[in-house]
């Protein structure tokens, strides 16, 4: 689906708060997109950052006409955080398609063309793929976690079962966004990407998943375990709001080992055989994702991913139910 005139076809909306360490990498990748400059606009919403984010963005885009930076200082009634930023950026956008990209993401040059190819007349939203930079073992485990979850999402998308959206790699049509009333009508959600995705699907639009290596975006990983816990506290809100199958999958995958031991009390099952079979299943899916998406550097992580998955799942559940606040980007939710 290539541009047919000099009108703006694609608006890329980037919400950024305190991203001075990552924003230039993101902007550089967006500048290098292999797409006609006259058919694209990139709008960065600086969410009242208290670091050098706004300064760095302004300096980078000063000679690049397709970029625009908006300082977000007001709050739309009922919205806050990223949802508030994206709601305001949508009203500034002129494109027929809204592409979403996080400020800690680097996209591939062919990202737009590959995502646009998945839109059909009835399609309202297309989901992309994300992994982490290959810099340490935790980053590799996080990459496998993304690819494993996205592979499962891909499977269910073929059955037209909506699982979730991806705020760091997702595109929606302008018509679909405003048909549901935008974020103003959706209301605040700490997982604004899922809220937008499910709102469009419930409106009757089709959804597609671009499951191919050409659309994989590269994210900066969490580098410490406390950072990871803060991120997952936020993510768990999204899981608990999502499709029942997603919630069930999380509980089963997180508690499978104690569940098997409990079952063995009443039923004559071989617990260790069942655990081995579960390991083989998870590892098989992980290796399939590595091969299909050509992320060959992750093959070792795929072999160890099961151990990480059952551990982090249980930790996420415990962390979610602890009576502490969700803190993200310096704000309390």
Protein backbone atom coordinates (compact mmCIF):
# COMPACT_ATOMS: atom_id res chain seq x y z
CA UNK A 1 0.00 0.00 0.00
CA UNK A 2 2.25 2.76 -1.32
CA UNK A 3 1.59 6.52 -1.30
CA UNK A 4 -0.29 7.85 -4.31
CA UNK A 5 0.09 11.60 -3.78
CA UNK A 6 2.04 14.16 -1.80
CA UNK A 7 -0.43 14.11 1.08
CA UNK A 8 0.63 12.80 4.48
CA UNK A 9 -0.10 9.07 4.56
CA UNK A 10 1.58 8.03 7.81
CA UNK A 11 1.85 9.84 11.14
CA UNK A 12 4.29 8.30 13.61
CA UNK A 13 3.37 9.21 17.17
CA UNK A 14 6.07 9.00 19.84
CA UNK A 15 5.36 9.69 23.51
CA UNK A 16 8.56 10.52 25.38
CA UNK A 17 9.11 11.19 29.07
CA UNK A 18 12.61 11.40 30.56
CA UNK A 19 14.18 9.57 27.60
CA UNK A 20 17.43 11.50 27.21
CA UNK A 21 19.39 8.23 27.11
CA UNK A 22 17.35 6.73 24.28
CA UNK A 23 15.57 9.38 22.24
CA UNK A 24 18.34 10.17 19.72
CA UNK A 25 18.66 6.50 18.77
CA UNK A 26 14.91 6.36 18.18
CA UNK A 27 14.84 9.56 16.12
CA UNK A 28 17.79 8.41 14.00
CA UNK A 29 16.03 5.18 13.11
CA UNK A 30 12.86 7.07 12.19
CA UNK A 31 14.86 9.50 10.05
CA UNK A 32 16.37 6.55 8.17
CA UNK A 33 12.98 5.05 7.25
CA UNK A 34 12.82 3.99 3.63
CA UNK A 35 9.60 5.87 2.89
CA UNK A 36 8.96 9.10 0.96
CA UNK A 37 9.60 12.00 3.31
CA UNK A 38 6.69 13.96 1.82
CA UNK A 39 4.27 11.21 2.82
CA UNK A 40 5.29 10.92 6.45
CA UNK A 41 5.28 13.02 9.59
CA UNK A 42 6.87 12.14 12.92
CA UNK A 43 5.36 13.84 15.96
CA UNK A 44 7.13 13.57 19.29
CA UNK A 45 5.17 14.44 22.39
CA UNK A 46 7.46 15.43 25.25
CA UNK A 47 5.48 14.47 28.33
CA UNK A 48 6.71 17.30 30.55
CA UNK A 49 10.13 15.66 30.93
CA UNK A 50 12.41 16.96 33.65
CA UNK A 51 15.61 15.83 31.92
CA UNK A 52 17.13 16.87 28.55
CA UNK A 53 14.60 15.02 26.36
CA UNK A 54 13.00 18.15 24.89
CA UNK A 55 16.37 19.80 24.29
CA UNK A 56 17.76 16.76 22.47
CA UNK A 57 14.66 16.32 20.31
CA UNK A 58 14.57 20.01 19.35
CA UNK A 59 18.24 19.94 18.39
CA UNK A 60 17.91 16.76 16.33
CA UNK A 61 14.85 17.80 14.33
CA UNK A 62 15.77 21.44 13.69
CA UNK A 63 16.67 20.77 10.03
CA UNK A 64 14.23 17.91 9.37
CA UNK A 65 10.86 19.14 8.16
CA UNK A 66 9.02 15.82 8.63
CA UNK A 67 9.60 15.99 12.40
CA UNK A 68 7.63 17.97 14.93
CA UNK A 69 7.96 18.16 18.71
CA UNK A 70 5.10 19.16 21.00
CA UNK A 71 5.58 19.92 24.67
CA UNK A 72 2.69 18.28 26.54
CA UNK A 73 1.84 20.34 29.59
CA UNK A 74 -1.96 20.04 29.80
CA UNK A 75 -3.99 17.04 30.84
CA UNK A 76 -7.16 15.96 29.07
CA UNK A 77 -9.93 15.22 31.56
CA UNK A 78 -9.80 11.59 32.62
CA UNK A 79 -6.41 10.91 31.05
CA UNK A 80 -2.83 10.96 32.26
CA UNK A 81 0.58 9.64 31.31
CA UNK A 82 1.13 8.15 27.89
CA UNK A 83 -2.58 7.96 27.04
CA UNK A 84 -2.85 11.71 27.61
CA UNK A 85 0.10 12.37 25.30
CA UNK A 86 -1.10 10.12 22.50
CA UNK A 87 -4.61 11.57 22.65
CA UNK A 88 -3.22 15.05 22.02
CA UNK A 89 -0.82 13.88 19.30
CA UNK A 90 -3.70 12.22 17.42
CA UNK A 91 -5.36 15.61 17.00
CA UNK A 92 -2.12 17.05 15.61
CA UNK A 93 -1.66 14.17 13.15
CA UNK A 94 -2.63 14.43 9.48
CA UNK A 95 -1.93 10.86 8.36
CA UNK A 96 -4.34 8.20 7.18
CA UNK A 97 -2.49 5.78 9.47
CA UNK A 98 -1.19 6.30 13.00
CA UNK A 99 1.99 4.36 13.77
CA UNK A 100 3.05 3.99 17.40
CA UNK A 101 6.67 3.75 18.47
CA UNK A 102 8.18 4.09 21.94
CA UNK A 103 11.07 6.47 22.57
CA UNK A 104 13.41 3.60 23.51
CA UNK A 105 12.76 1.76 20.23
CA UNK A 106 14.77 1.61 17.00
CA UNK A 107 12.77 0.59 13.93
CA UNK A 108 13.99 -1.00 10.72
CA UNK A 109 14.12 1.13 7.54
CA UNK A 110 11.37 -0.97 5.90
CA UNK A 111 9.09 -0.88 8.96
CA UNK A 112 6.35 1.32 7.49
CA UNK A 113 6.10 -0.45 4.14
CA UNK A 114 6.01 -3.89 5.78
CA UNK A 115 3.31 -2.88 8.26
CA UNK A 116 1.18 -1.12 5.63
CA UNK A 117 1.19 -4.29 3.52
CA UNK A 118 -0.97 -5.99 6.18
CA UNK A 119 -3.80 -3.47 6.03
CA UNK A 120 -6.97 -4.44 4.18
CA UNK A 121 -10.14 -2.35 3.78
CA UNK A 122 -11.64 -3.93 6.91
CA UNK A 123 -8.43 -3.79 9.00
CA UNK A 124 -8.29 -1.32 11.84
CA UNK A 125 -5.08 -2.33 13.60
CA UNK A 126 -1.84 -4.14 12.76
CA UNK A 127 0.50 -5.44 15.48
CA UNK A 128 4.25 -5.65 14.97
CA UNK A 129 7.08 -7.40 16.81
CA UNK A 130 9.69 -6.31 19.34
CA UNK A 131 12.82 -7.72 20.91
CA UNK A 132 15.66 -6.34 23.05
CA UNK A 133 19.19 -5.35 22.14
CA UNK A 134 21.60 -8.27 22.43
CA UNK A 135 23.74 -6.89 25.27
CA UNK A 136 23.44 -9.24 28.28
CA UNK A 137 21.72 -12.44 29.43
CA UNK A 138 18.72 -10.64 30.95
CA UNK A 139 18.15 -8.80 27.67
CA UNK A 140 18.19 -12.12 25.82
CA UNK A 141 15.65 -13.61 28.24
CA UNK A 142 13.45 -10.55 27.79
CA UNK A 143 13.75 -10.94 24.02
CA UNK A 144 12.66 -14.56 24.26
CA UNK A 145 9.78 -13.55 26.51
CA UNK A 146 8.58 -11.07 23.87
CA UNK A 147 9.00 -13.49 20.98
CA UNK A 148 7.36 -16.37 22.85
CA UNK A 149 4.35 -14.24 23.78
CA UNK A 150 4.11 -12.77 20.30
CA UNK A 151 4.28 -16.22 18.73
CA UNK A 152 1.36 -17.28 20.91
CA UNK A 153 -0.44 -14.05 19.96
CA UNK A 154 0.20 -14.85 16.30
CA UNK A 155 -1.35 -18.30 16.70
CA UNK A 156 -4.50 -16.88 18.27
CA UNK A 157 -4.67 -14.08 15.69
CA UNK A 158 -5.01 -16.74 12.98
CA UNK A 159 -8.10 -17.94 14.88
CA UNK A 160 -9.27 -14.31 15.14
CA UNK A 161 -8.94 -14.33 18.92
CA UNK A 162 -7.71 -10.89 20.05
CA UNK A 163 -5.01 -11.10 22.72
CA UNK A 164 -3.27 -7.74 22.97
CA UNK A 165 -1.79 -4.75 21.18
CA UNK A 166 1.78 -3.48 21.19
CA UNK A 167 2.27 0.15 22.10
CA UNK A 168 5.88 0.11 20.93
CA UNK A 169 5.10 -1.38 17.50
CA UNK A 170 1.54 -0.97 16.32
CA UNK A 171 -0.38 0.86 13.60
CA UNK A 172 -4.04 1.83 13.36
CA UNK A 173 -6.11 3.57 10.73
CA UNK A 174 -7.17 7.12 11.39
CA UNK A 175 -10.77 6.11 10.74
CA UNK A 176 -10.64 3.30 13.32
CA UNK A 177 -9.04 5.53 15.95
CA UNK A 178 -11.65 8.25 15.72
CA UNK A 179 -14.51 5.78 15.20
CA UNK A 180 -14.03 4.64 18.80
CA UNK A 181 -13.64 8.20 20.03
CA UNK A 182 -9.89 8.02 20.60
CA UNK A 183 -8.33 7.91 24.03
CA UNK A 184 -10.80 10.52 25.26
CA UNK A 185 -13.60 7.97 24.89
CA UNK A 186 -11.51 4.96 25.93
CA UNK A 187 -10.53 6.64 29.16
CA UNK A 188 -7.36 6.24 31.18
CA UNK A 189 -5.54 2.94 31.25
CA UNK A 190 -2.01 2.32 32.44
CA UNK A 191 -1.81 -0.11 29.49
CA UNK A 192 -3.06 2.28 26.84
CA UNK A 193 -1.92 0.08 23.95
CA UNK A 194 -4.15 -2.82 24.97
CA UNK A 195 -7.07 -0.43 25.59
CA UNK A 196 -6.73 1.03 22.09
CA UNK A 197 -6.32 -2.36 20.43
CA UNK A 198 -9.31 -3.98 22.12
CA UNK A 199 -11.45 -0.87 21.60
CA UNK A 200 -10.88 -1.02 17.83
CA UNK A 201 -11.53 -4.76 17.69
CA UNK A 202 -14.77 -4.40 19.68
CA UNK A 203 -15.87 -1.71 17.26
CA UNK A 204 -15.92 -4.42 14.58
CA UNK A 205 -12.63 -3.80 12.82
CA UNK A 206 -10.36 -6.62 11.74
CA UNK A 207 -6.89 -6.97 13.24
CA UNK A 208 -3.74 -8.41 11.73
CA UNK A 209 -0.35 -9.40 13.06
CA UNK A 210 2.79 -8.74 11.04
CA UNK A 211 4.74 -11.83 12.09
CA UNK A 212 7.94 -11.44 10.09
CA UNK A 213 11.54 -10.43 10.82
CA UNK A 214 11.24 -7.29 8.69
CA UNK A 215 8.99 -5.57 11.25
CA UNK A 216 10.95 -6.40 14.40
CA UNK A 217 11.84 -3.30 16.37
CA UNK A 218 14.73 -3.26 18.83
CA UNK A 219 14.09 -1.98 22.34
CA UNK A 220 16.43 -0.92 25.09
CA UNK A 221 16.13 -3.60 27.81
CA UNK A 222 15.65 -3.28 31.52
CA UNK A 223 19.16 -3.54 32.96
CA UNK A 224 18.39 -4.30 36.60
CA UNK A 225 15.90 -6.52 38.37
CA UNK A 226 14.24 -3.63 40.30
CA UNK A 227 13.63 -1.85 36.96
CA UNK A 228 12.10 -5.02 35.60
CA UNK A 229 9.77 -5.35 38.59
CA UNK A 230 8.53 -1.77 38.16
CA UNK A 231 7.84 -2.40 34.49
CA UNK A 232 6.05 -5.69 35.19
CA UNK A 233 3.87 -4.13 37.87
CA UNK A 234 2.49 -1.92 35.10
CA UNK A 235 2.24 -4.77 32.59
CA UNK A 236 0.28 -6.94 35.02
CA UNK A 237 -2.50 -4.37 35.01
CA UNK A 238 -2.76 -4.96 31.27
CA UNK A 239 -2.83 -8.73 31.68
CA UNK A 240 -5.60 -8.50 34.27
CA UNK A 241 -7.66 -6.29 31.93
CA UNK A 242 -7.07 -8.47 28.89
CA UNK A 243 -8.82 -11.42 27.25
CA UNK A 244 -9.60 -14.24 29.71
CA UNK A 245 -7.35 -16.64 27.80
CA UNK A 246 -4.37 -14.33 28.41
CA UNK A 247 -5.05 -14.26 32.16
CA UNK A 248 -5.51 -18.02 32.30
CA UNK A 249 -2.26 -18.58 30.38
CA UNK A 250 -0.33 -16.43 32.82
CA UNK A 251 -1.66 -18.22 35.89
CA UNK A 252 -1.09 -21.68 34.40
CA UNK A 253 2.43 -20.94 33.16
CA UNK A 254 3.39 -19.28 36.45
CA UNK A 255 1.96 -21.96 38.75
CA UNK A 256 2.35 -25.08 36.61
CA UNK A 257 5.00 -26.75 38.77
CA UNK A 258 3.15 -26.45 42.13
CA UNK A 259 -0.11 -27.31 40.32
CA UNK A 260 1.41 -30.55 39.03
CA UNK A 261 2.66 -31.52 42.47
CA UNK A 262 -0.78 -30.82 43.97
CA UNK A 263 -2.51 -32.87 41.29
CA UNK A 264 -0.14 -35.77 41.98
CA UNK A 265 -1.51 -36.00 45.52
CA UNK A 266 -4.88 -37.16 44.22
CA UNK A 267 -4.08 -38.54 40.78
CA UNK A 268 -1.36 -41.02 39.75
CA UNK A 269 0.64 -38.78 37.44
CA UNK A 270 4.39 -38.68 36.92
CA UNK A 271 5.20 -35.09 37.92
CA UNK A 272 8.73 -35.05 36.57
CA UNK A 273 7.63 -36.50 33.25
CA UNK A 274 4.95 -33.81 33.00
CA UNK A 275 7.48 -31.07 33.80
CA UNK A 276 9.85 -32.39 31.14
CA UNK A 277 7.01 -32.45 28.60
CA UNK A 278 6.14 -28.86 29.49
CA UNK A 279 9.79 -27.85 29.08
CA UNK A 280 9.89 -29.52 25.66
CA UNK A 281 6.69 -27.70 24.61
CA UNK A 282 7.88 -24.26 25.71
CA UNK A 283 11.37 -24.79 24.28
CA UNK A 284 9.91 -26.05 21.01
CA UNK A 285 7.80 -22.90 20.63
CA UNK A 286 10.78 -20.75 21.57
CA UNK A 287 13.08 -22.36 19.01
CA UNK A 288 10.34 -22.13 16.38
CA UNK A 289 10.10 -18.39 17.00
CA UNK A 290 13.89 -18.04 16.78
CA UNK A 291 13.96 -19.88 13.45
CA UNK A 292 10.87 -18.32 11.86
CA UNK A 293 11.89 -14.80 12.83
CA UNK A 294 15.59 -15.41 12.06
CA UNK A 295 16.78 -14.28 15.49
CA UNK A 296 19.55 -16.86 15.57
CA UNK A 297 21.55 -15.13 18.32
CA UNK A 298 18.82 -16.20 20.77
CA UNK A 299 19.07 -19.98 20.36
CA UNK A 300 20.86 -20.45 23.69
CA UNK A 301 18.30 -18.24 25.43
CA UNK A 302 15.54 -20.37 23.89
CA UNK A 303 16.94 -23.49 25.56
CA UNK A 304 16.95 -21.78 28.98
CA UNK A 305 13.80 -19.74 28.57
CA UNK A 306 11.49 -22.23 30.36
CA UNK A 307 13.36 -21.75 33.64
CA UNK A 308 13.10 -17.98 33.32
CA UNK A 309 9.40 -18.13 32.36
CA UNK A 310 8.21 -20.19 35.32
CA UNK A 311 10.26 -18.04 37.70
CA UNK A 312 9.36 -14.57 36.40
CA UNK A 313 5.69 -15.51 36.10
CA UNK A 314 5.44 -16.37 39.77
CA UNK A 315 7.42 -13.25 40.73
CA UNK A 316 5.11 -11.09 38.61
CA UNK A 317 2.02 -12.50 40.32
CA UNK A 318 3.41 -11.93 43.80
CA UNK A 319 4.63 -8.44 42.87
CA UNK A 320 1.25 -7.53 41.37
CA UNK A 321 -0.69 -8.46 44.50
CA UNK A 322 1.69 -6.69 46.89
CA UNK A 323 0.02 -3.53 48.26
CA UNK A 324 2.47 -1.07 46.72
CA UNK A 325 1.86 1.61 44.09
CA UNK A 326 2.66 1.31 40.41
CA UNK A 327 5.49 3.73 39.59
CA UNK A 328 6.35 4.38 35.95
CA UNK A 329 8.44 7.17 34.39
CA UNK A 330 8.56 8.97 37.72
CA UNK A 331 4.77 8.98 38.15
CA UNK A 332 2.54 7.08 40.53
CA UNK A 333 -0.52 5.25 39.17
